[in-house]
């Protein structure tokens, strides 16, 4: 008998944030995330030394899921961010960078964790109340009668993902397709409750991005041989459809556990085949035109259905079962017994389609909220990134229906919010000091740390050595070229702010974002100024960014409040 190793005692570390190693690791993570942020963010290649896939990305969802993190503090940060992204799809980098900035800035203040947490929570309430208020100067309501704001929102998401490798023309094309695909998922006739449909992304790699297109209904990939057997498809009225989620292969692998008793001389294979053929006879007698199976159809059943002019398609996969059920109105059939007439559905038409080297059967619905986005890109890496981007954009549009407003992008919401917080705490400190029992010095220190953390996120959008500024009227974020002189007439060097709403020809004054900021009451340039430049606005999802702000502050508070880290080394 081999010896048992003695159990090791748990490792207990006090005040983990005081460790230089932890601070350095947190700084490295922040550097990775910050350098990936925004349209000009630098791409990252993540792979392991043992081989496998190489992930090239700048998106938080792909980056954090492929980035191995071992320290408990970093695990808290990355897990919080991944949970946020799993719920909202967007603003993952914003959340993680802001959390890192808050931890870093608060440590410099020397305030106690209790004081920091109370004041952070109060400043967070100020932010959320302002962003939700009608007087918010960085929030734009969405008018669903005009698609322009939604198109700007989608384009902002697509342009922020440089690993998609898109030109301006391709970006506009994909943005329009994503918006069209989303609009096709909205039912025309709604009662009390709006139930959205689904957009299915169909891959077509190795083709031009401009070949991407959207179809109402579902594209089912089939082989050329299978399609030639089906053609020609001729029928004047709707096609009757049966959809099976059970295997029709005739094998006995799905019988479950237990003992099967078989009488002498009985062939199981023949018995099962006869049952399948009886099923086929019922389908034919019920005048079914199209049979689809999630798994495999027995060759004899396929041949029988084909002889009776019934189209049979198998191996459609579990991912398409729900959309197929919605499009056809069928109830997926899970047994080989008698089929209820209510289980059948129908489609308006069936059409063959060929794109590149792939062949499809196009199911055109009578009236459904399912569409297929045929997505093309030049190579696998760029296609994977583009698919993730389109999924994010579609989810953001769904969130925007629930909260019909958007926030200014390009760093303008962060700098505007920082200006508002400074002005509020400078002019109305009494309510905060009365509620939280803090001194005015503590409030000023933490307000500056909080606002600097927000402004640092905006500054992270600049990756080419340019200067980042903020104007003293609206509190928007501006970026200049790297070669701008030290003494400069800024209107000559600046064109528009980060979100594209303000232009430099107004009577504005600027200050460097890294310089000492004096409290100002930021004005709003909404809504009438927004209409003239609405074609080129950079926008963020309101729901995702508000949640990201809350997650960042609450995660930073949790990490700052850690006194001990206990690790089991066994």
Protein backbone atom coordinates (compact mmCIF):
# COMPACT_ATOMS: atom_id res chain seq x y z
CA UNK A 1 0.00 0.00 0.00
CA UNK A 2 1.44 3.40 -1.02
CA UNK A 3 2.01 6.06 1.59
CA UNK A 4 -0.53 8.83 1.99
CA UNK A 5 0.84 12.34 1.79
CA UNK A 6 0.22 14.42 4.88
CA UNK A 7 -2.40 17.12 4.46
CA UNK A 8 -0.89 20.56 3.98
CA UNK A 9 -2.19 23.46 6.06
CA UNK A 10 -4.15 26.17 4.25
CA UNK A 11 -2.18 29.23 3.23
CA UNK A 12 -3.47 32.42 4.84
CA UNK A 13 -2.39 35.85 3.58
CA UNK A 14 -3.47 39.08 5.23
CA UNK A 15 -4.07 42.38 3.42
CA UNK A 16 -3.54 40.89 -0.06
CA UNK A 17 -3.58 44.26 -1.86
CA UNK A 18 -0.47 45.40 0.04
CA UNK A 19 1.57 42.71 -1.73
CA UNK A 20 3.77 44.08 -4.51
CA UNK A 21 3.30 40.84 -6.45
CA UNK A 22 -0.49 41.22 -6.39
CA UNK A 23 -0.29 44.87 -7.42
CA UNK A 24 2.08 44.02 -10.27
CA UNK A 25 -0.19 41.21 -11.49
CA UNK A 26 -3.21 43.51 -11.34
CA UNK A 27 -1.25 46.12 -13.30
CA UNK A 28 -0.38 43.55 -16.00
CA UNK A 29 -4.03 42.53 -16.35
CA UNK A 30 -5.06 46.18 -16.57
CA UNK A 31 -2.44 46.74 -19.27
CA UNK A 32 -3.75 43.81 -21.33
CA UNK A 33 -7.34 45.05 -21.08
CA UNK A 34 -6.57 48.74 -21.59
CA UNK A 35 -4.50 48.12 -24.71
CA UNK A 36 -7.41 46.14 -26.21
CA UNK A 37 -10.03 48.86 -25.66
CA UNK A 38 -11.84 50.64 -28.46
CA UNK A 39 -11.72 50.76 -32.27
CA UNK A 40 -7.94 51.18 -32.36
CA UNK A 41 -7.29 48.67 -29.58
CA UNK A 42 -4.40 46.30 -30.11
CA UNK A 43 -5.19 42.66 -30.88
CA UNK A 44 -4.15 39.84 -28.55
CA UNK A 45 -3.15 36.31 -29.49
CA UNK A 46 -3.92 33.83 -26.73
CA UNK A 47 -2.66 30.24 -26.95
CA UNK A 48 -1.10 27.63 -24.70
CA UNK A 49 2.30 26.05 -24.99
CA UNK A 50 0.86 22.59 -25.67
CA UNK A 51 -0.72 23.63 -28.96
CA UNK A 52 -4.35 23.94 -29.90
CA UNK A 53 -6.28 26.87 -31.27
CA UNK A 54 -4.84 30.37 -31.32
CA UNK A 55 -7.38 33.02 -30.36
CA UNK A 56 -6.84 36.45 -31.95
CA UNK A 57 -9.17 38.98 -30.39
CA UNK A 58 -9.71 42.22 -28.51
CA UNK A 59 -13.13 41.29 -27.12
CA UNK A 60 -13.51 40.76 -23.38
CA UNK A 61 -15.62 37.61 -23.73
CA UNK A 62 -13.00 35.82 -25.85
CA UNK A 63 -10.05 37.36 -24.00
CA UNK A 64 -11.12 36.53 -20.44
CA UNK A 65 -12.36 33.03 -21.29
CA UNK A 66 -8.96 32.17 -22.83
CA UNK A 67 -6.80 33.99 -20.26
CA UNK A 68 -5.67 31.73 -17.39
CA UNK A 69 -5.90 33.56 -14.05
CA UNK A 70 -4.70 31.98 -10.80
CA UNK A 71 -4.67 34.64 -8.06
CA UNK A 72 -7.96 34.83 -6.10
CA UNK A 73 -8.25 38.62 -6.45
CA UNK A 74 -7.88 38.46 -10.23
CA UNK A 75 -10.37 35.59 -10.30
CA UNK A 76 -12.94 37.78 -8.53
CA UNK A 77 -12.42 40.56 -11.07
CA UNK A 78 -12.49 38.36 -14.16
CA UNK A 79 -15.43 36.27 -12.93
CA UNK A 80 -17.49 39.39 -12.21
CA UNK A 81 -16.73 40.72 -15.67
CA UNK A 82 -17.55 37.42 -17.37
CA UNK A 83 -20.84 37.20 -15.50
CA UNK A 84 -21.69 40.72 -16.66
CA UNK A 85 -20.83 39.85 -20.27
CA UNK A 86 -22.85 36.63 -20.14
CA UNK A 87 -25.93 38.71 -19.20
CA UNK A 88 -25.40 41.82 -21.36
CA UNK A 89 -22.79 40.83 -24.03
CA UNK A 90 -21.30 44.35 -24.17
CA UNK A 91 -19.11 46.72 -22.09
CA UNK A 92 -16.92 43.95 -20.65
CA UNK A 93 -13.63 45.83 -21.13
CA UNK A 94 -15.21 49.01 -19.73
CA UNK A 95 -16.24 47.10 -16.60
CA UNK A 96 -12.86 45.45 -16.00
CA UNK A 97 -10.78 48.57 -16.74
CA UNK A 98 -12.92 50.77 -14.49
CA UNK A 99 -12.65 48.22 -11.68
CA UNK A 100 -8.85 48.14 -12.01
CA UNK A 101 -8.71 51.95 -12.07
CA UNK A 102 -10.85 52.25 -8.96
CA UNK A 103 -8.71 49.79 -6.99
CA UNK A 104 -5.51 51.53 -8.09
CA UNK A 105 -6.72 55.08 -7.41
CA UNK A 106 -8.36 54.34 -4.06
CA UNK A 107 -5.20 52.70 -2.72
CA UNK A 108 -3.34 55.97 -3.26
CA UNK A 109 -5.81 57.89 -1.07
CA UNK A 110 -4.87 55.99 2.12
CA UNK A 111 -8.52 55.94 3.26
CA UNK A 112 -9.92 53.04 5.27
CA UNK A 113 -11.91 50.38 3.35
CA UNK A 114 -15.06 51.20 5.34
CA UNK A 115 -14.94 54.86 4.33
CA UNK A 116 -14.08 54.00 0.72
CA UNK A 117 -16.96 51.55 0.36
CA UNK A 118 -19.54 53.95 1.82
CA UNK A 119 -18.43 56.82 -0.41
CA UNK A 120 -18.11 54.62 -3.51
CA UNK A 121 -21.66 53.42 -3.03
CA UNK A 122 -22.92 56.98 -2.67
CA UNK A 123 -21.06 58.13 -5.80
CA UNK A 124 -22.43 55.12 -7.66
CA UNK A 125 -25.96 56.13 -6.65
CA UNK A 126 -25.28 59.65 -7.92
CA UNK A 127 -24.16 58.19 -11.27
CA UNK A 128 -27.08 55.81 -11.71
CA UNK A 129 -29.69 58.38 -10.64
CA UNK A 130 -28.25 60.90 -13.08
CA UNK A 131 -28.04 58.43 -15.98
CA UNK A 132 -31.67 57.40 -15.41
CA UNK A 133 -32.94 61.00 -15.07
CA UNK A 134 -34.56 63.01 -17.83
CA UNK A 135 -31.97 65.76 -17.34
CA UNK A 136 -29.04 63.45 -18.19
CA UNK A 137 -26.80 65.12 -20.74
CA UNK A 138 -25.25 61.92 -22.13
CA UNK A 139 -28.38 59.87 -22.79
CA UNK A 140 -30.34 59.86 -26.06
CA UNK A 141 -33.86 58.42 -26.33
CA UNK A 142 -34.36 55.92 -29.15
CA UNK A 143 -37.05 56.67 -31.71
CA UNK A 144 -38.08 53.31 -33.21
CA UNK A 145 -39.87 55.03 -36.09
CA UNK A 146 -36.42 56.00 -37.40
CA UNK A 147 -33.66 53.37 -37.58
CA UNK A 148 -30.78 55.87 -37.61
CA UNK A 149 -29.98 55.75 -33.88
CA UNK A 150 -30.11 51.95 -33.86
CA UNK A 151 -27.87 51.82 -36.93
CA UNK A 152 -25.33 54.09 -35.19
CA UNK A 153 -25.43 51.81 -32.15
CA UNK A 154 -24.74 48.69 -34.23
CA UNK A 155 -22.01 50.44 -36.23
CA UNK A 156 -20.34 51.55 -32.97
CA UNK A 157 -20.22 47.95 -31.77
CA UNK A 158 -18.85 46.63 -35.08
CA UNK A 159 -16.16 49.32 -35.39
CA UNK A 160 -14.98 48.67 -31.82
CA UNK A 161 -13.86 45.15 -32.82
CA UNK A 162 -10.75 45.57 -35.00
CA UNK A 163 -10.11 41.81 -35.23
CA UNK A 164 -13.07 41.58 -37.64
CA UNK A 165 -10.75 43.21 -40.21
CA UNK A 166 -13.51 45.22 -41.91
CA UNK A 167 -13.26 48.20 -44.25
CA UNK A 168 -15.63 51.16 -43.88
CA UNK A 169 -17.85 49.81 -46.66
CA UNK A 170 -17.93 46.35 -45.06
CA UNK A 171 -18.72 47.84 -41.65
CA UNK A 172 -21.70 49.73 -43.07
CA UNK A 173 -22.90 46.61 -44.89
CA UNK A 174 -22.68 44.35 -41.81
CA UNK A 175 -24.29 47.01 -39.58
CA UNK A 176 -27.25 47.33 -41.93
CA UNK A 177 -27.62 43.53 -42.16
CA UNK A 178 -27.55 43.08 -38.38
CA UNK A 179 -30.22 45.75 -37.93
CA UNK A 180 -32.33 44.18 -40.70
CA UNK A 181 -31.97 40.74 -39.10
CA UNK A 182 -33.06 42.18 -35.76
CA UNK A 183 -36.09 43.93 -37.25
CA UNK A 184 -37.18 40.66 -38.86
CA UNK A 185 -37.37 39.10 -35.37
CA UNK A 186 -39.98 41.63 -34.19
CA UNK A 187 -43.54 40.32 -34.68
CA UNK A 188 -45.85 42.54 -36.71
CA UNK A 189 -48.88 41.97 -34.51
CA UNK A 190 -48.25 42.12 -30.76
CA UNK A 191 -50.72 42.06 -27.93
CA UNK A 192 -49.79 42.76 -24.32
CA UNK A 193 -46.38 41.13 -24.42
CA UNK A 194 -43.64 41.40 -27.05
CA UNK A 195 -41.91 38.08 -27.77
CA UNK A 196 -38.93 38.46 -30.07
CA UNK A 197 -37.86 35.80 -32.55
CA UNK A 198 -34.35 34.66 -33.34
CA UNK A 199 -31.60 35.39 -35.84
CA UNK A 200 -29.61 32.32 -36.89
CA UNK A 201 -26.04 32.97 -38.04
CA UNK A 202 -25.09 30.70 -40.94
CA UNK A 203 -21.32 30.43 -41.62
CA UNK A 204 -19.78 30.95 -45.05
CA UNK A 205 -16.03 31.30 -44.58
CA UNK A 206 -13.57 32.23 -47.28
CA UNK A 207 -15.91 34.66 -49.07
CA UNK A 208 -16.20 38.44 -49.28
CA UNK A 209 -17.86 40.19 -46.35
CA UNK A 210 -20.03 42.06 -48.85
CA UNK A 211 -21.54 38.72 -49.92
CA UNK A 212 -23.23 38.44 -46.52
CA UNK A 213 -27.01 38.69 -46.64
CA UNK A 214 -30.20 38.10 -44.63
CA UNK A 215 -33.11 35.79 -45.42
CA UNK A 216 -36.48 35.47 -43.68
CA UNK A 217 -36.92 31.90 -42.50
CA UNK A 218 -34.26 29.21 -42.14
CA UNK A 219 -31.42 27.97 -44.33
CA UNK A 220 -30.69 24.27 -43.82
CA UNK A 221 -27.40 23.10 -45.27
CA UNK A 222 -27.71 19.98 -47.44
CA UNK A 223 -25.38 18.15 -49.79
CA UNK A 224 -25.58 18.77 -53.53
CA UNK A 225 -26.57 15.13 -54.10
CA UNK A 226 -29.37 15.39 -51.54
CA UNK A 227 -30.60 18.63 -53.07
CA UNK A 228 -30.67 17.13 -56.59
CA UNK A 229 -32.84 14.27 -55.28
CA UNK A 230 -35.30 16.79 -53.81
CA UNK A 231 -35.55 18.97 -56.92
CA UNK A 232 -37.76 20.03 -58.53
CA UNK A 233 -39.99 21.26 -55.70
CA UNK A 234 -43.44 22.09 -57.05
CA UNK A 235 -46.57 22.79 -55.03
CA UNK A 236 -49.21 25.49 -55.22
CA UNK A 237 -50.15 25.61 -51.55
CA UNK A 238 -48.27 25.33 -48.22
CA UNK A 239 -45.97 22.42 -47.39
CA UNK A 240 -47.03 20.20 -44.48
CA UNK A 241 -44.12 19.57 -42.08
CA UNK A 242 -43.26 16.94 -39.45
CA UNK A 243 -40.33 17.56 -37.10
CA UNK A 244 -38.73 14.70 -35.12
CA UNK A 245 -36.43 15.11 -32.14
CA UNK A 246 -36.15 11.31 -31.67
CA UNK A 247 -33.69 9.22 -33.65
CA UNK A 248 -35.22 7.45 -36.66
CA UNK A 249 -32.09 5.43 -37.40
CA UNK A 250 -33.49 2.13 -36.14
CA UNK A 251 -30.74 1.54 -33.57
CA UNK A 252 -31.48 0.56 -29.98
CA UNK A 253 -29.11 2.96 -28.25
CA UNK A 254 -31.92 5.11 -26.84
CA UNK A 255 -33.84 2.37 -25.04
CA UNK A 256 -32.36 3.36 -21.66
CA UNK A 257 -31.07 1.13 -18.86
CA UNK A 258 -32.60 -2.20 -17.97
CA UNK A 259 -33.19 -5.63 -19.47
CA UNK A 260 -34.92 -6.19 -22.81
CA UNK A 261 -36.79 -9.48 -23.22
CA UNK A 262 -37.00 -10.71 -26.82
CA UNK A 263 -39.06 -13.73 -27.89
CA UNK A 264 -37.30 -16.54 -29.68
CA UNK A 265 -37.07 -16.11 -33.44
CA UNK A 266 -37.86 -12.39 -33.35
CA UNK A 267 -35.43 -10.09 -35.13
CA UNK A 268 -35.08 -6.79 -33.30
CA UNK A 269 -33.75 -5.02 -36.39
CA UNK A 270 -36.67 -6.16 -38.54
CA UNK A 271 -39.17 -5.24 -35.84
CA UNK A 272 -37.77 -1.73 -35.47
CA UNK A 273 -37.59 -1.29 -39.25
CA UNK A 274 -41.22 -2.36 -39.60
CA UNK A 275 -42.18 0.19 -36.95
CA UNK A 276 -40.27 2.90 -38.85
CA UNK A 277 -42.03 1.95 -42.09
CA UNK A 278 -45.40 2.07 -40.33
CA UNK A 279 -44.46 5.56 -39.21
CA UNK A 280 -43.61 6.40 -42.81
CA UNK A 281 -46.98 5.08 -43.99
CA UNK A 282 -48.76 7.33 -41.50
CA UNK A 283 -46.76 10.34 -42.67
CA UNK A 284 -47.68 9.58 -46.27
CA UNK A 285 -51.37 9.03 -45.44
CA UNK A 286 -51.39 12.34 -43.51
CA UNK A 287 -50.08 14.06 -46.68
CA UNK A 288 -46.87 15.29 -45.08
CA UNK A 289 -44.55 16.99 -47.60
CA UNK A 290 -41.42 17.57 -45.51
CA UNK A 291 -39.94 15.40 -42.75
CA UNK A 292 -37.04 16.77 -40.70
CA UNK A 293 -35.16 14.87 -38.02
CA UNK A 294 -32.73 16.22 -35.43
CA UNK A 295 -30.75 12.99 -35.59
CA UNK A 296 -30.51 10.23 -38.25
CA UNK A 297 -33.10 8.75 -40.61
CA UNK A 298 -32.87 5.04 -41.52
CA UNK A 299 -31.92 4.62 -45.24
CA UNK A 300 -34.97 2.39 -45.85
CA UNK A 301 -37.29 5.02 -44.33
CA UNK A 302 -35.63 7.70 -46.45
CA UNK A 303 -36.13 5.63 -49.59
CA UNK A 304 -39.77 4.91 -48.68
CA UNK A 305 -40.52 8.61 -48.14
CA UNK A 306 -38.71 9.56 -51.35
CA UNK A 307 -40.80 7.05 -53.37
CA UNK A 308 -43.92 8.84 -52.11
CA UNK A 309 -42.56 12.33 -52.97
CA UNK A 310 -41.92 13.24 -49.31
CA UNK A 311 -38.78 15.35 -48.74
CA UNK A 312 -36.67 13.90 -45.90
CA UNK A 313 -33.83 15.80 -44.20
CA UNK A 314 -31.90 14.43 -41.25
CA UNK A 315 -29.07 15.59 -38.97
CA UNK A 316 -30.48 19.12 -38.65
CA UNK A 317 -28.95 19.37 -35.16
CA UNK A 318 -30.24 20.50 -31.79
CA UNK A 319 -29.44 24.18 -32.42
CA UNK A 320 -32.06 24.44 -35.17
CA UNK A 321 -34.85 22.57 -33.38
CA UNK A 322 -36.37 25.55 -31.57
CA UNK A 323 -36.20 27.89 -34.61
CA UNK A 324 -37.65 25.15 -36.86
CA UNK A 325 -40.50 24.62 -34.41
CA UNK A 326 -41.27 28.36 -34.43
CA UNK A 327 -41.03 28.74 -38.21
CA UNK A 328 -43.17 25.71 -39.02
CA UNK A 329 -45.49 25.73 -36.02
CA UNK A 330 -44.75 22.06 -35.34
CA UNK A 331 -44.48 20.21 -32.04
CA UNK A 332 -41.25 18.16 -32.11
CA UNK A 333 -42.17 14.45 -32.15
CA UNK A 334 -40.24 12.34 -29.65
CA UNK A 335 -41.60 8.82 -30.25
CA UNK A 336 -42.24 6.27 -33.00
CA UNK A 337 -45.89 5.78 -32.07
CA UNK A 338 -48.99 7.28 -33.59
CA UNK A 339 -48.63 11.00 -34.43
CA UNK A 340 -51.22 13.52 -33.34
CA UNK A 341 -52.44 15.80 -36.17
CA UNK A 342 -51.71 18.81 -33.93
CA UNK A 343 -47.97 17.96 -34.08
CA UNK A 344 -47.75 18.90 -37.75
CA UNK A 345 -46.92 22.35 -39.04
CA UNK A 346 -46.39 24.05 -42.38
CA UNK A 347 -44.18 26.41 -44.35
CA UNK A 348 -45.17 28.73 -47.16
CA UNK A 349 -42.54 27.54 -49.61
CA UNK A 350 -39.30 25.58 -50.07
CA UNK A 351 -36.53 26.88 -52.31
CA UNK A 352 -33.06 25.59 -53.17
CA UNK A 353 -30.20 28.03 -52.63
CA UNK A 354 -26.49 27.95 -53.41
CA UNK A 355 -23.86 30.25 -51.89
CA UNK A 356 -20.24 29.62 -52.73
CA UNK A 357 -19.63 25.90 -52.41
CA UNK A 358 -22.55 25.30 -50.03
CA UNK A 359 -26.08 24.21 -50.87
CA UNK A 360 -29.11 25.03 -48.75
CA UNK A 361 -32.81 24.34 -48.51
CA UNK A 362 -34.57 27.61 -47.73
CA UNK A 363 -37.70 27.29 -45.58
CA UNK A 364 -39.89 30.32 -46.19
CA UNK A 365 -42.39 30.77 -43.33
CA UNK A 366 -46.01 31.84 -43.53
CA UNK A 367 -45.45 34.45 -40.85
CA UNK A 368 -42.63 34.02 -38.39
CA UNK A 369 -39.97 35.96 -36.55
CA UNK A 370 -37.01 33.76 -37.49
CA UNK A 371 -34.37 34.82 -40.00
CA UNK A 372 -31.00 33.56 -41.23
CA UNK A 373 -27.96 35.82 -41.38
CA UNK A 374 -25.57 34.34 -43.94
CA UNK A 375 -22.27 35.67 -42.59
CA UNK A 376 -19.13 35.76 -44.73
CA UNK A 377 -15.53 36.67 -43.96
CA UNK A 378 -12.17 36.01 -45.49
CA UNK A 379 -10.73 33.54 -42.95
CA UNK A 380 -11.65 31.54 -39.86
CA UNK A 381 -10.16 33.95 -37.31
CA UNK A 382 -11.89 37.03 -38.72
CA UNK A 383 -15.17 35.10 -39.14
CA UNK A 384 -15.15 33.89 -35.52
CA UNK A 385 -14.64 37.46 -34.31
CA UNK A 386 -17.32 38.80 -36.64
CA UNK A 387 -19.82 36.16 -35.49
CA UNK A 388 -19.22 37.13 -31.85
CA UNK A 389 -19.61 40.81 -32.77
CA UNK A 390 -22.91 40.21 -34.58
CA UNK A 391 -24.24 38.20 -31.65
CA UNK A 392 -23.29 41.05 -29.32
CA UNK A 393 -24.99 43.63 -31.55
CA UNK A 394 -28.19 41.56 -31.79
CA UNK A 395 -28.32 41.15 -28.02
CA UNK A 396 -27.70 44.88 -27.48
CA UNK A 397 -30.61 45.70 -29.79
CA UNK A 398 -32.84 43.39 -27.75
CA UNK A 399 -31.76 45.19 -24.56
CA UNK A 400 -32.49 48.54 -26.21
CA UNK A 401 -36.12 47.53 -26.79
CA UNK A 402 -36.47 47.03 -23.02
CA UNK A 403 -34.69 50.32 -22.22
CA UNK A 404 -35.27 52.56 -25.27
CA UNK A 405 -32.28 54.86 -24.86
CA UNK A 406 -28.55 54.87 -25.59
CA UNK A 407 -25.50 56.56 -24.08
CA UNK A 408 -22.90 58.67 -25.85
CA UNK A 409 -19.81 56.66 -26.74
CA UNK A 410 -16.22 57.53 -27.54
CA UNK A 411 -15.44 58.28 -23.87
CA UNK A 412 -17.92 61.19 -23.69
CA UNK A 413 -20.23 59.54 -21.14
CA UNK A 414 -17.28 58.86 -18.82
CA UNK A 415 -15.87 62.41 -18.94
CA UNK A 416 -19.33 64.02 -18.76
CA UNK A 417 -20.23 61.82 -15.78
CA UNK A 418 -16.93 62.68 -14.05
CA UNK A 419 -17.64 66.41 -14.53
CA UNK A 420 -21.15 65.97 -13.11
CA UNK A 421 -19.89 64.08 -10.02
CA UNK A 422 -17.22 66.72 -9.32
CA UNK A 423 -19.77 69.51 -9.62
CA UNK A 424 -22.33 67.69 -7.44
CA UNK A 425 -19.95 66.82 -4.61
CA UNK A 426 -18.36 70.29 -4.67
CA UNK A 427 -21.65 72.21 -4.55
CA UNK A 428 -23.84 69.83 -2.53
CA UNK A 429 -21.53 67.95 -0.14
CA UNK A 430 -23.81 68.29 2.88
CA UNK A 431 -26.15 65.41 2.00
CA UNK A 432 -23.25 63.00 1.49
CA UNK A 433 -21.40 64.04 4.64
CA UNK A 434 -24.60 63.87 6.69
CA UNK A 435 -25.58 60.42 5.43
CA UNK A 436 -22.16 58.75 5.49
CA UNK A 437 -20.47 60.49 8.40
CA UNK A 438 -17.31 61.33 6.45
CA UNK A 439 -15.16 64.45 6.46
CA UNK A 440 -15.07 66.85 3.53
CA UNK A 441 -11.41 66.00 2.91
CA UNK A 442 -12.24 62.30 2.62
CA UNK A 443 -15.09 63.10 0.26
CA UNK A 444 -12.84 65.24 -1.96
CA UNK A 445 -10.11 62.59 -2.04
CA UNK A 446 -12.44 59.78 -3.01
CA UNK A 447 -14.43 61.88 -5.49
CA UNK A 448 -11.19 62.69 -7.30
CA UNK A 449 -10.15 59.02 -7.29
CA UNK A 450 -13.59 57.99 -8.62
CA UNK A 451 -13.66 60.64 -11.35
CA UNK A 452 -10.07 59.91 -12.38
CA UNK A 453 -11.00 56.24 -12.74
CA UNK A 454 -13.83 57.18 -15.13
CA UNK A 455 -11.60 59.57 -17.09
CA UNK A 456 -8.86 56.95 -17.35
CA UNK A 457 -11.32 54.63 -19.10
CA UNK A 458 -11.99 57.39 -21.64
CA UNK A 459 -8.25 57.97 -22.00
CA UNK A 460 -7.75 54.25 -22.71
CA UNK A 461 -9.36 54.74 -26.13
CA UNK A 462 -6.23 56.58 -27.31
CA UNK A 463 -3.48 54.16 -28.38
CA UNK A 464 -1.37 56.21 -30.80
CA UNK A 465 0.26 58.74 -28.50
CA UNK A 466 -2.27 61.52 -29.02
CA UNK A 467 -3.50 63.86 -26.31
CA UNK A 468 -6.91 63.34 -24.69
CA UNK A 469 -8.81 66.46 -23.69
CA UNK A 470 -12.16 67.44 -22.25
CA UNK A 471 -14.13 70.59 -22.99
CA UNK A 472 -15.25 72.91 -20.20
CA UNK A 473 -18.83 73.31 -21.45
CA UNK A 474 -20.26 69.87 -22.15
CA UNK A 475 -17.62 67.69 -20.48
CA UNK A 476 -17.10 65.60 -23.63
CA UNK A 477 -13.96 63.68 -24.56
CA UNK A 478 -11.70 64.85 -27.40
CA UNK A 479 -8.61 63.28 -28.93
CA UNK A 480 -5.82 65.05 -30.82
CA UNK A 481 -3.14 63.71 -33.12
CA UNK A 482 0.17 62.60 -31.67
CA UNK A 483 2.19 65.28 -33.47
CA UNK A 484 0.16 68.27 -32.22
CA UNK A 485 2.43 71.10 -30.91
CA UNK A 486 2.59 72.07 -27.24
CA UNK A 487 1.04 75.49 -27.89
CA UNK A 488 -1.85 75.08 -30.27
CA UNK A 489 -5.13 76.60 -31.34
CA UNK A 490 -7.26 73.56 -30.52
CA UNK A 491 -10.15 74.25 -32.93
CA UNK A 492 -7.64 73.83 -35.77
CA UNK A 493 -6.52 70.43 -34.48
CA UNK A 494 -9.79 68.99 -33.23
CA UNK A 495 -12.79 68.13 -35.41
CA UNK A 496 -15.43 66.38 -33.33
CA UNK A 497 -15.64 64.91 -29.85
CA UNK A 498 -15.45 61.16 -29.23
CA UNK A 499 -19.19 60.57 -29.69
CA UNK A 500 -19.37 62.88 -32.73
CA UNK A 501 -22.04 65.15 -31.26
CA UNK A 502 -20.00 68.34 -30.69
CA UNK A 503 -17.71 70.07 -33.19
CA UNK A 504 -14.69 72.19 -32.40
CA UNK A 505 -16.04 75.31 -34.13
CA UNK A 506 -18.27 76.11 -31.15
CA UNK A 507 -17.08 78.53 -28.50
CA UNK A 508 -15.37 75.88 -26.40
CA UNK A 509 -12.38 75.73 -24.08
CA UNK A 510 -10.41 72.55 -23.48
CA UNK A 511 -8.13 71.13 -20.82
CA UNK A 512 -5.93 68.05 -20.83
CA UNK A 513 -7.65 65.04 -19.28
CA UNK A 514 -4.60 64.29 -17.12
CA UNK A 515 -4.44 67.86 -15.79
CA UNK A 516 -6.17 69.03 -12.61
CA UNK A 517 -9.87 69.35 -13.38
CA UNK A 518 -11.87 72.17 -11.85
CA UNK A 519 -15.54 71.52 -11.07
CA UNK A 520 -17.89 72.61 -13.86
CA UNK A 521 -21.62 72.16 -14.37
CA UNK A 522 -21.65 70.17 -17.64
CA UNK A 523 -24.33 71.37 -20.02
CA UNK A 524 -26.29 69.17 -22.39
CA UNK A 525 -26.16 69.53 -26.15
CA UNK A 526 -29.24 67.35 -26.61
CA UNK A 527 -31.59 66.94 -28.34
CA UNK A 528 -31.68 69.49 -31.16
CA UNK A 529 -27.93 69.51 -31.83
CA UNK A 530 -28.00 65.71 -32.08
CA UNK A 531 -30.18 65.66 -35.16
CA UNK A 532 -27.67 67.29 -37.48
CA UNK A 533 -24.89 64.78 -36.89
CA UNK A 534 -26.92 61.69 -36.00
CA UNK A 535 -25.54 59.77 -39.00
CA UNK A 536 -22.08 59.49 -37.44
CA UNK A 537 -22.66 59.23 -33.71
CA UNK A 538 -20.71 56.75 -31.59
CA UNK A 539 -23.12 55.22 -29.09
CA UNK A 540 -23.11 52.70 -26.24
CA UNK A 541 -25.82 50.39 -24.93
CA UNK A 542 -27.52 52.07 -21.96
CA UNK A 543 -28.42 48.86 -20.10
CA UNK A 544 -25.02 47.20 -20.59
CA UNK A 545 -23.02 50.28 -19.59
CA UNK A 546 -25.14 51.01 -16.52
CA UNK A 547 -24.75 47.41 -15.38
CA UNK A 548 -21.00 47.54 -16.13
CA UNK A 549 -20.66 50.67 -13.97
CA UNK A 550 -22.45 48.97 -11.07
CA UNK A 551 -20.47 45.72 -11.41
CA UNK A 552 -17.15 47.60 -11.57
CA UNK A 553 -17.81 49.63 -8.41
CA UNK A 554 -19.25 46.73 -6.43
CA UNK A 555 -16.40 44.39 -7.46
CA UNK A 556 -13.81 47.03 -6.54
CA UNK A 557 -15.50 47.46 -3.15
CA UNK A 558 -15.41 43.71 -2.58
CA UNK A 559 -11.72 43.46 -3.45
CA UNK A 560 -10.79 46.53 -1.37
CA UNK A 561 -12.61 45.04 1.62
CA UNK A 562 -10.63 41.77 1.54
CA UNK A 563 -8.59 41.34 4.71
CA UNK A 564 -7.48 37.73 4.24
CA UNK A 565 -7.11 35.26 1.40
CA UNK A 566 -7.18 31.63 2.52
CA UNK A 567 -6.04 29.07 -0.05
CA UNK A 568 -6.28 25.31 0.30
CA UNK A 569 -3.04 23.91 -1.16
CA UNK A 570 -4.08 20.23 -1.04
